């Protein structure tokens, strides 16, 4: 068995299986506990708790950064990739994301990231609800 770095392990075995950037955001936010720490049993067991925290924070920062740089049109496509083909599924994804704002951004986000992300998610929710 080839040993992978924790970043490779996280990207190739875990995040690759999650559809879309918004799906990845929902997944990473779901790994965060109320105290802000991430819980991922497999990575923690193989790579250690400290390395797991660093890798998950870095991956979370990367996903948020990519989302904030995407045009809304591309994000609308990503909602479909991440949330499934049914309008109800897409709306539920956005509702889940909007329901956990404290977990959407990684610890110590850059200035304005949290507000920017919340604005983007609100805009996407409105666009999805008002689509013909």
C-alpha atoms as a PDB file:
ATOM      1  CA  UNK A   1       0.000   0.000   0.000  1.00  0.00           C
ATOM      2  CA  UNK A   2       1.342   3.402  -0.984  1.00  0.00           C
ATOM      3  CA  UNK A   3       1.312   5.966   1.789  1.00  0.00           C
ATOM      4  CA  UNK A   4      -0.222   9.266   0.758  1.00  0.00           C
ATOM      5  CA  UNK A   5       0.193  12.652   2.359  1.00  0.00           C
ATOM      6  CA  UNK A   6      -2.820  13.753   4.329  1.00  0.00           C
ATOM      7  CA  UNK A   7      -3.650  16.379   1.673  1.00  0.00           C
ATOM      8  CA  UNK A   8      -3.572  13.724  -1.080  1.00  0.00           C
ATOM      9  CA  UNK A   9      -5.592  11.335   1.048  1.00  0.00           C
ATOM     10  CA  UNK A  10      -8.222  13.981   1.762  1.00  0.00           C
ATOM     11  CA  UNK A  11      -8.464  15.134  -1.862  1.00  0.00           C
ATOM     12  CA  UNK A  12      -8.283  11.757  -3.593  1.00  0.00           C
ATOM     13  CA  UNK A  13     -10.244   9.550  -1.243  1.00  0.00           C
ATOM     14  CA  UNK A  14     -12.683  11.866   0.441  1.00  0.00           C
ATOM     15  CA  UNK A  15     -13.408  15.118  -1.373  1.00  0.00           C
ATOM     16  CA  UNK A  16     -13.262  13.608  -4.860  1.00  0.00           C
ATOM     17  CA  UNK A  17     -16.321  11.526  -3.942  1.00  0.00           C
ATOM     18  CA  UNK A  18     -18.360  14.629  -3.066  1.00  0.00           C
ATOM     19  CA  UNK A  19     -20.054  16.304  -6.034  1.00  0.00           C
ATOM     20  CA  UNK A  20     -19.580  20.032  -6.636  1.00  0.00           C
ATOM     21  CA  UNK A  21     -17.945  22.767  -4.603  1.00  0.00           C
ATOM     22  CA  UNK A  22     -21.109  23.529  -2.667  1.00  0.00           C
ATOM     23  CA  UNK A  23     -21.388  19.830  -1.875  1.00  0.00           C
ATOM     24  CA  UNK A  24     -17.806  19.867  -0.622  1.00  0.00           C
ATOM     25  CA  UNK A  25     -18.602  22.960   1.457  1.00  0.00           C
ATOM     26  CA  UNK A  26     -21.606  21.202   3.008  1.00  0.00           C
ATOM     27  CA  UNK A  27     -19.470  18.140   3.710  1.00  0.00           C
ATOM     28  CA  UNK A  28     -16.638  20.089   5.348  1.00  0.00           C
ATOM     29  CA  UNK A  29     -19.047  22.238   7.368  1.00  0.00           C
ATOM     30  CA  UNK A  30     -20.685  19.023   8.547  1.00  0.00           C
ATOM     31  CA  UNK A  31     -17.358  17.789   9.918  1.00  0.00           C
ATOM     32  CA  UNK A  32     -17.107  20.770  12.273  1.00  0.00           C
ATOM     33  CA  UNK A  33     -18.192  20.477  15.868  1.00  0.00           C
ATOM     34  CA  UNK A  34     -19.716  23.324  17.880  1.00  0.00           C
ATOM     35  CA  UNK A  35     -16.253  24.164  19.255  1.00  0.00           C
ATOM     36  CA  UNK A  36     -14.905  24.626  15.706  1.00  0.00           C
ATOM     37  CA  UNK A  37     -12.810  21.455  15.573  1.00  0.00           C
ATOM     38  CA  UNK A  38     -13.217  19.009  12.728  1.00  0.00           C
ATOM     39  CA  UNK A  39     -14.017  15.352  13.307  1.00  0.00           C
ATOM     40  CA  UNK A  40     -12.891  12.838  10.703  1.00  0.00           C
ATOM     41  CA  UNK A  41     -12.263   9.482  12.281  1.00  0.00           C
ATOM     42  CA  UNK A  42     -10.377   7.906   9.374  1.00  0.00           C
ATOM     43  CA  UNK A  43      -7.960  10.766   8.736  1.00  0.00           C
ATOM     44  CA  UNK A  44      -7.371  11.253  12.450  1.00  0.00           C
ATOM     45  CA  UNK A  45      -6.603   7.583  12.922  1.00  0.00           C
ATOM     46  CA  UNK A  46      -4.177   7.367   9.999  1.00  0.00           C
ATOM     47  CA  UNK A  47      -2.508  10.792  10.105  1.00  0.00           C
ATOM     48  CA  UNK A  48      -3.029  12.033  13.666  1.00  0.00           C
ATOM     49  CA  UNK A  49      -5.379  14.613  15.064  1.00  0.00           C
ATOM     50  CA  UNK A  50      -3.217  17.709  14.643  1.00  0.00           C
ATOM     51  CA  UNK A  51      -2.384  16.976  10.995  1.00  0.00           C
ATOM     52  CA  UNK A  52      -6.051  16.223  10.333  1.00  0.00           C
ATOM     53  CA  UNK A  53      -7.131  19.587  11.748  1.00  0.00           C
ATOM     54  CA  UNK A  54      -4.570  21.438   9.601  1.00  0.00           C
ATOM     55  CA  UNK A  55      -5.515  19.533   6.428  1.00  0.00           C
ATOM     56  CA  UNK A  56      -9.251  20.034   6.913  1.00  0.00           C
ATOM     57  CA  UNK A  57      -8.831  23.744   7.638  1.00  0.00           C
ATOM     58  CA  UNK A  58      -6.694  24.109   4.499  1.00  0.00           C
ATOM     59  CA  UNK A  59      -9.189  22.168   2.361  1.00  0.00           C
ATOM     60  CA  UNK A  60     -12.088  24.195   3.786  1.00  0.00           C
ATOM     61  CA  UNK A  61     -10.265  27.460   3.048  1.00  0.00           C
ATOM     62  CA  UNK A  62      -9.603  26.289  -0.508  1.00  0.00           C
ATOM     63  CA  UNK A  63     -13.226  25.359  -1.163  1.00  0.00           C
ATOM     64  CA  UNK A  64     -14.545  28.653   0.251  1.00  0.00           C
ATOM     65  CA  UNK A  65     -11.986  30.596  -1.778  1.00  0.00           C
ATOM     66  CA  UNK A  66     -12.994  28.825  -5.007  1.00  0.00           C
ATOM     67  CA  UNK A  67     -16.687  29.435  -4.347  1.00  0.00           C
ATOM     68  CA  UNK A  68     -16.125  33.132  -3.670  1.00  0.00           C
ATOM     69  CA  UNK A  69     -14.219  33.516  -6.951  1.00  0.00           C
ATOM     70  CA  UNK A  70     -16.835  31.745  -9.096  1.00  0.00           C
ATOM     71  CA  UNK A  71     -19.327  33.696 -11.177  1.00  0.00           C
ATOM     72  CA  UNK A  72     -22.962  33.202 -10.137  1.00  0.00           C
ATOM     73  CA  UNK A  73     -23.765  31.414 -13.411  1.00  0.00           C
ATOM     74  CA  UNK A  74     -21.130  28.776 -12.652  1.00  0.00           C
ATOM     75  CA  UNK A  75     -22.359  28.528  -9.059  1.00  0.00           C
ATOM     76  CA  UNK A  76     -25.888  27.862 -10.331  1.00  0.00           C
ATOM     77  CA  UNK A  77     -24.469  24.926 -12.305  1.00  0.00           C
ATOM     78  CA  UNK A  78     -22.616  23.824  -9.191  1.00  0.00           C
ATOM     79  CA  UNK A  79     -25.876  23.849  -7.203  1.00  0.00           C
ATOM     80  CA  UNK A  80     -27.224  21.311  -9.700  1.00  0.00           C
ATOM     81  CA  UNK A  81     -24.063  19.179  -9.481  1.00  0.00           C
ATOM     82  CA  UNK A  82     -23.975  19.352  -5.696  1.00  0.00           C
ATOM     83  CA  UNK A  83     -27.658  19.207  -4.896  1.00  0.00           C
ATOM     84  CA  UNK A  84     -28.948  16.708  -7.400  1.00  0.00           C
ATOM     85  CA  UNK A  85     -31.326  16.938 -10.286  1.00  0.00           C
ATOM     86  CA  UNK A  86     -34.496  17.724  -8.332  1.00  0.00           C
ATOM     87  CA  UNK A  87     -35.298  21.354  -7.543  1.00  0.00           C
ATOM     88  CA  UNK A  88     -36.292  20.301  -4.023  1.00  0.00           C
ATOM     89  CA  UNK A  89     -32.855  18.703  -3.486  1.00  0.00           C
ATOM     90  CA  UNK A  90     -31.076  21.861  -4.650  1.00  0.00           C
ATOM     91  CA  UNK A  91     -33.206  24.032  -2.369  1.00  0.00           C
ATOM     92  CA  UNK A  92     -32.541  21.696   0.550  1.00  0.00           C
ATOM     93  CA  UNK A  93     -28.783  21.905  -0.031  1.00  0.00           C
ATOM     94  CA  UNK A  94     -28.910  25.697   0.078  1.00  0.00           C
ATOM     95  CA  UNK A  95     -31.174  25.633   3.141  1.00  0.00           C
ATOM     96  CA  UNK A  96     -28.720  23.314   4.929  1.00  0.00           C
ATOM     97  CA  UNK A  97     -25.848  25.633   4.095  1.00  0.00           C
ATOM     98  CA  UNK A  98     -27.752  28.744   5.162  1.00  0.00           C
ATOM     99  CA  UNK A  99     -28.784  27.056   8.429  1.00  0.00           C
ATOM    100  CA  UNK A 100     -25.212  26.670   9.671  1.00  0.00           C
ATOM    101  CA  UNK A 101     -23.393  29.966   9.001  1.00  0.00           C
ATOM    102  CA  UNK A 102     -21.013  29.485  11.937  1.00  0.00           C
ATOM    103  CA  UNK A 103     -19.628  26.316  10.339  1.00  0.00           C
ATOM    104  CA  UNK A 104     -19.457  27.445   6.712  1.00  0.00           C
ATOM    105  CA  UNK A 105     -16.147  29.228   6.937  1.00  0.00           C
ATOM    106  CA  UNK A 106     -13.024  27.724   8.433  1.00  0.00           C
ATOM    107  CA  UNK A 107     -11.547  29.082  11.657  1.00  0.00           C
ATOM    108  CA  UNK A 108     -10.019  32.557  11.349  1.00  0.00           C
ATOM    109  CA  UNK A 109     -11.461  33.427   7.922  1.00  0.00           C
ATOM    110  CA  UNK A 110     -10.094  36.343   5.942  1.00  0.00           C
ATOM    111  CA  UNK A 111     -11.876  39.652   6.383  1.00  0.00           C
ATOM    112  CA  UNK A 112     -15.272  39.708   4.752  1.00  0.00           C
ATOM    113  CA  UNK A 113     -15.292  36.042   3.710  1.00  0.00           C
ATOM    114  CA  UNK A 114     -18.177  35.072   5.964  1.00  0.00           C
ATOM    115  CA  UNK A 115     -20.399  37.944   4.806  1.00  0.00           C
ATOM    116  CA  UNK A 116     -19.426  37.422   1.180  1.00  0.00           C
ATOM    117  CA  UNK A 117     -20.233  33.695   1.370  1.00  0.00           C
ATOM    118  CA  UNK A 118     -23.562  34.373   3.094  1.00  0.00           C
ATOM    119  CA  UNK A 119     -24.449  36.886   0.361  1.00  0.00           C
ATOM    120  CA  UNK A 120     -23.563  34.410  -2.377  1.00  0.00           C
ATOM    121  CA  UNK A 121     -25.653  31.660  -0.766  1.00  0.00           C
ATOM    122  CA  UNK A 122     -28.583  34.024  -0.283  1.00  0.00           C
ATOM    123  CA  UNK A 123     -28.388  35.073  -3.951  1.00  0.00           C
ATOM    124  CA  UNK A 124     -28.244  31.439  -5.082  1.00  0.00           C
ATOM    125  CA  UNK A 125     -31.251  30.571  -2.909  1.00  0.00           C
ATOM    126  CA  UNK A 126     -33.232  33.413  -4.436  1.00  0.00           C
ATOM    127  CA  UNK A 127     -32.237  32.469  -7.975  1.00  0.00           C
ATOM    128  CA  UNK A 128     -33.135  28.801  -7.450  1.00  0.00           C
ATOM    129  CA  UNK A 129     -36.521  29.664  -5.927  1.00  0.00           C
ATOM    130  CA  UNK A 130     -37.382  32.062  -8.743  1.00  0.00           C
ATOM    131  CA  UNK A 131     -36.238  29.884 -11.642  1.00  0.00           C
ATOM    132  CA  UNK A 132     -38.902  29.153 -14.258  1.00  0.00           C
END
